[in-house]
Amino acid sequence: MNFKNTLQTAILLFVVITSNNISAGQLLTLDDCIHLGMEYSPAIHSSQMKEKAAKAQVSEINSARLPNISFSAGYTRLSDIDPYVFQLSETQTYTVYPNIPDNYSAELNITQPLFTGFCLENASAAASQEAKAAKYDYESSINNTELQITTAYWNLVEAHEYQLIINEEVRRQEMHLTDVKNLFDQGMATRNDVLRVEVQHSNALLKQIDADNAFKLARINLENTVGVWLTV
């Protein structure tokens, strides 16, 4: 198996076993891992919330520079009273205090800040700069997360490639050791030949352990970076 084929195999090697929206047995590519990392990254979520908060602060400060309109209305029910009436003539009267039990009121206020000592202008400019900084921080978090996931992904691919190479080496050493032992039993190889091959086989087994550990560490690193558990 050449390196290109191994990479193609390794790219489709990862299977999610714990995730909210990825079913068990689904194969993951690098793009899938990046998508999951963007979704579950605490750093990205934190930066995104900071950006939204900064934008909301800009809107709040800018709204203070706009006219403020308020309207209120009321109704009061008064007790019935006898109206006070002047008798002007036999046919004419004048009511001084009429009986008005229903009392309505309405009030409309419009206020506009004209000059605040440049406080609102300065606050708006400062909030706009903070919003820009929050936006850059959010974009930086996305780029950093993508880079971390990509690096962790290909480190795992590289560890898997090395693991395959070492496993093949162990298999060849086992076959070689079996052949040497058979030759030794037939008197066609010396004891030193057997010991030499056994040492080579032992060294290959140690490399296999190191390769397995490196693969596990690379997988854990990718899991931590992506934010989901993976199995291979």
Protein backbone atom coordinates (compact mmCIF):
# COMPACT_ATOMS: atom_id res chain seq x y z
CA MET A 1 0.00 0.00 0.00
CA ASN A 2 1.52 3.31 -1.05
CA PHE A 3 1.31 6.53 0.93
CA LYS A 4 -1.38 8.10 -1.28
CA ASN A 5 -3.70 5.12 -0.89
CA THR A 6 -3.03 5.05 2.83
CA LEU A 7 -4.00 8.70 3.15
CA GLN A 8 -7.19 8.10 1.22
CA THR A 9 -8.00 5.21 3.54
CA ALA A 10 -7.13 7.15 6.68
CA ILE A 11 -9.23 10.15 5.64
CA LEU A 12 -12.32 7.94 5.83
CA LEU A 13 -11.19 6.02 8.89
CA PHE A 14 -12.72 8.02 11.71
CA VAL A 15 -16.09 7.00 13.09
CA VAL A 16 -18.01 9.15 15.55
CA ILE A 17 -19.45 7.23 18.49
CA THR A 18 -20.69 10.16 20.61
CA SER A 19 -22.22 13.24 19.00
CA ASN A 20 -25.51 15.08 18.98
CA ASN A 21 -25.96 15.26 15.21
CA ILE A 22 -23.58 12.60 13.84
CA SER A 23 -24.82 9.03 13.79
CA ALA A 24 -22.69 6.10 14.84
CA GLY A 25 -20.86 4.56 11.92
CA GLN A 26 -20.70 7.75 9.87
CA LEU A 27 -17.34 8.28 8.20
CA LEU A 28 -15.64 11.62 8.69
CA THR A 29 -13.43 13.60 6.37
CA LEU A 30 -11.26 16.56 7.24
CA ASP A 31 -14.09 18.92 6.29
CA ASP A 32 -16.41 17.03 8.64
CA CYS A 33 -13.94 17.42 11.51
CA ILE A 34 -13.57 21.14 10.81
CA HIS A 35 -17.36 21.54 10.72
CA LEU A 36 -17.73 19.75 14.07
CA GLY A 37 -14.89 21.78 15.57
CA MET A 38 -16.55 25.03 14.50
CA GLU A 39 -19.81 23.87 16.06
CA TYR A 40 -18.44 22.68 19.41
CA SER A 41 -15.45 25.00 19.96
CA PRO A 42 -15.82 26.96 23.24
CA ALA A 43 -13.37 29.60 21.98
CA ILE A 44 -15.47 30.28 18.88
CA HIS A 45 -18.69 30.41 20.87
CA SER A 46 -17.14 32.82 23.36
CA SER A 47 -15.80 35.09 20.61
CA GLN A 48 -19.14 35.00 18.81
CA MET A 49 -21.02 36.04 21.97
CA LYS A 50 -18.54 38.86 22.57
CA GLU A 51 -19.07 40.11 19.02
CA LYS A 52 -22.86 40.06 19.43
CA ALA A 53 -22.58 41.87 22.77
CA ALA A 54 -20.32 44.53 21.22
CA LYS A 55 -22.76 45.07 18.33
CA ALA A 56 -25.65 45.35 20.78
CA GLN A 57 -23.72 47.94 22.77
CA VAL A 58 -23.15 50.01 19.62
CA SER A 59 -26.88 49.90 18.83
CA GLU A 60 -27.74 50.85 22.40
CA ILE A 61 -25.41 53.86 22.41
CA ASN A 62 -26.54 55.02 18.97
CA SER A 63 -30.19 54.77 20.01
CA ALA A 64 -29.49 57.28 22.80
CA ARG A 65 -28.72 59.89 20.11
CA LEU A 66 -32.16 59.52 18.52
CA PRO A 67 -35.32 61.39 19.61
CA ASN A 68 -37.14 59.78 22.49
CA ILE A 69 -40.93 59.71 22.10
CA SER A 70 -43.24 58.82 24.98
CA PHE A 71 -47.02 58.79 25.12
CA SER A 72 -49.30 58.35 28.10
CA ALA A 73 -53.06 58.34 28.50
CA GLY A 74 -55.40 58.10 31.45
CA TYR A 75 -59.00 57.89 32.49
CA THR A 76 -60.59 58.86 35.78
CA ARG A 77 -64.15 58.25 36.84
CA LEU A 78 -65.44 61.01 39.16
CA SER A 79 -68.38 60.93 41.47
CA ASP A 80 -71.60 62.45 40.31
CA ILE A 81 -72.27 65.92 41.75
CA ASP A 82 -75.09 68.37 41.44
CA PRO A 83 -74.11 71.06 38.97
CA TYR A 84 -73.96 74.63 40.26
CA VAL A 85 -76.28 76.74 38.08
CA PHE A 86 -76.91 80.49 38.00
CA GLN A 87 -80.36 81.61 37.06
CA LEU A 88 -79.79 84.52 34.70
CA SER A 89 -83.42 85.06 33.80
CA GLU A 90 -86.65 83.21 33.69
CA THR A 91 -85.57 81.43 30.55
CA GLN A 92 -81.71 81.51 30.76
CA THR A 93 -79.31 79.69 33.11
CA TYR A 94 -75.52 79.43 33.37
CA THR A 95 -73.80 76.32 34.74
CA VAL A 96 -70.65 77.17 36.69
CA TYR A 97 -69.66 73.68 37.85
CA PRO A 98 -71.11 71.05 35.48
CA ASN A 99 -71.23 67.36 36.36
CA ILE A 100 -68.42 65.68 34.34
CA PRO A 101 -67.91 62.16 35.74
CA ASP A 102 -65.66 60.91 32.88
CA ASN A 103 -62.21 62.52 32.85
CA TYR A 104 -59.79 61.63 30.00
CA SER A 105 -56.17 62.73 29.67
CA ALA A 106 -53.40 62.23 27.06
CA GLU A 107 -49.79 63.36 26.95
CA LEU A 108 -47.14 63.14 24.19
CA ASN A 109 -43.49 63.96 24.95
CA ILE A 110 -40.59 64.21 22.47
CA THR A 111 -37.05 64.75 23.74
CA GLN A 112 -33.91 65.13 21.64
CA PRO A 113 -30.40 65.47 23.09
CA LEU A 114 -28.81 68.50 21.44
CA PHE A 115 -25.40 68.66 23.09
CA THR A 116 -23.94 66.21 25.59
CA GLY A 117 -20.36 67.39 25.64
CA PHE A 118 -19.46 64.83 22.92
CA CYS A 119 -20.11 62.04 25.41
CA LEU A 120 -22.45 60.14 23.11
CA GLU A 121 -20.20 60.65 20.09
CA ASN A 122 -17.13 59.42 21.96
CA ALA A 123 -19.00 56.49 23.47
CA SER A 124 -20.30 55.50 20.03
CA ALA A 125 -16.81 55.66 18.50
CA ALA A 126 -15.35 53.59 21.33
CA ALA A 127 -18.11 51.00 21.07
CA SER A 128 -17.57 50.76 17.30
CA GLN A 129 -13.88 50.08 17.81
CA GLU A 130 -14.68 47.41 20.39
CA ALA A 131 -17.11 45.82 17.94
CA LYS A 132 -14.42 45.73 15.25
CA ALA A 133 -11.94 44.19 17.71
CA ALA A 134 -14.53 41.57 18.71
CA LYS A 135 -15.14 40.77 15.04
CA TYR A 136 -11.41 40.31 14.38
CA ASP A 137 -11.14 38.14 17.50
CA TYR A 138 -14.02 35.98 16.27
CA GLU A 139 -12.44 35.58 12.83
CA SER A 140 -9.10 34.79 14.46
CA SER A 141 -10.74 32.10 16.62
CA ILE A 142 -12.23 30.49 13.51
CA ASN A 143 -8.89 30.50 11.69
CA ASN A 144 -7.00 29.18 14.71
CA THR A 145 -9.53 26.41 15.30
CA GLU A 146 -9.41 25.37 11.66
CA LEU A 147 -5.61 25.30 11.75
CA GLN A 148 -5.57 23.25 14.97
CA ILE A 149 -8.06 20.73 13.60
CA THR A 150 -6.21 20.42 10.30
CA THR A 151 -2.89 19.91 12.08
CA ALA A 152 -4.37 17.37 14.49
CA TYR A 153 -6.11 15.54 11.66
CA TRP A 154 -3.00 15.10 9.54
CA ASN A 155 -0.94 14.20 12.61
CA LEU A 156 -3.38 11.36 13.15
CA VAL A 157 -3.12 10.36 9.49
CA GLU A 158 0.68 10.37 9.78
CA ALA A 159 0.52 8.32 13.00
CA HIS A 160 -1.79 5.84 11.29
CA GLU A 161 0.59 5.55 8.33
CA TYR A 162 3.53 4.90 10.67
CA GLN A 163 1.44 2.35 12.57
CA LEU A 164 0.74 0.45 9.35
CA ILE A 165 4.42 0.44 8.44
CA ILE A 166 5.46 -0.87 11.86
CA ASN A 167 2.74 -3.51 11.86
CA GLU A 168 4.00 -4.72 8.50
CA GLU A 169 7.54 -4.76 9.84
CA VAL A 170 6.46 -6.83 12.85
CA ARG A 171 4.70 -9.27 10.55
CA ARG A 172 7.82 -9.67 8.41
CA GLN A 173 10.01 -10.12 11.49
CA GLU A 174 7.66 -12.81 12.82
CA MET A 175 7.84 -14.65 9.50
CA HIS A 176 11.60 -14.25 9.43
CA LEU A 177 11.92 -15.54 12.98
CA THR A 178 9.79 -18.57 12.14
CA ASP A 179 11.95 -19.33 9.10
CA VAL A 180 15.20 -18.99 11.09
CA LYS A 181 13.90 -21.27 13.82
CA ASN A 182 12.96 -23.86 11.22
CA LEU A 183 16.44 -23.61 9.70
CA PHE A 184 17.95 -23.92 13.18
CA ASP A 185 15.93 -27.08 13.84
CA GLN A 186 17.26 -28.49 10.56
CA GLY A 187 20.80 -27.54 11.44
CA MET A 188 21.05 -24.92 8.71
CA ALA A 189 21.28 -21.90 11.05
CA THR A 190 23.21 -21.18 14.21
CA ARG A 191 21.91 -20.16 17.61
CA ASN A 192 23.37 -16.71 17.06
CA ASP A 193 21.28 -16.34 13.93
CA VAL A 194 18.16 -17.08 15.95
CA LEU A 195 19.18 -14.65 18.71
CA ARG A 196 19.91 -11.91 16.18
CA VAL A 197 16.48 -12.27 14.56
CA GLU A 198 14.80 -12.42 17.99
CA VAL A 199 16.45 -9.11 18.90
CA GLN A 200 15.23 -7.60 15.65
CA HIS A 201 11.75 -8.93 16.35
CA SER A 202 11.81 -7.52 19.88
CA ASN A 203 12.88 -4.13 18.58
CA ALA A 204 10.03 -4.21 16.08
CA LEU A 205 7.57 -4.99 18.88
CA LEU A 206 8.87 -2.02 20.88
CA LYS A 207 8.39 0.18 17.82
CA GLN A 208 4.89 -1.20 17.48
CA ILE A 209 4.07 -0.19 21.05
CA ASP A 210 5.44 3.29 20.42
CA ALA A 211 3.45 3.54 17.18
CA ASP A 212 0.24 2.45 18.92
CA ASN A 213 0.77 4.98 21.72
CA ALA A 214 1.52 7.74 19.21
CA PHE A 215 -1.64 6.90 17.32
CA LYS A 216 -3.75 6.96 20.50
CA LEU A 217 -2.28 10.31 21.54
CA ALA A 218 -2.90 11.76 18.07
CA ARG A 219 -6.48 10.51 18.17
CA ILE A 220 -7.07 12.01 21.63
CA ASN A 221 -5.60 15.30 20.44
CA LEU A 222 -7.99 15.36 17.47
CA GLU A 223 -10.93 14.45 19.73
CA ASN A 224 -10.09 17.29 22.11
CA THR A 225 -9.67 19.72 19.22
CA VAL A 226 -12.88 18.69 17.43
CA GLY A 227 -14.92 18.25 20.60
CA VAL A 228 -16.39 14.78 19.92
CA TRP A 229 -15.27 11.22 20.67
CA LEU A 230 -13.86 9.20 17.79
CA THR A 231 -13.01 5.56 17.36
CA VAL A 232 -11.06 3.76 14.68
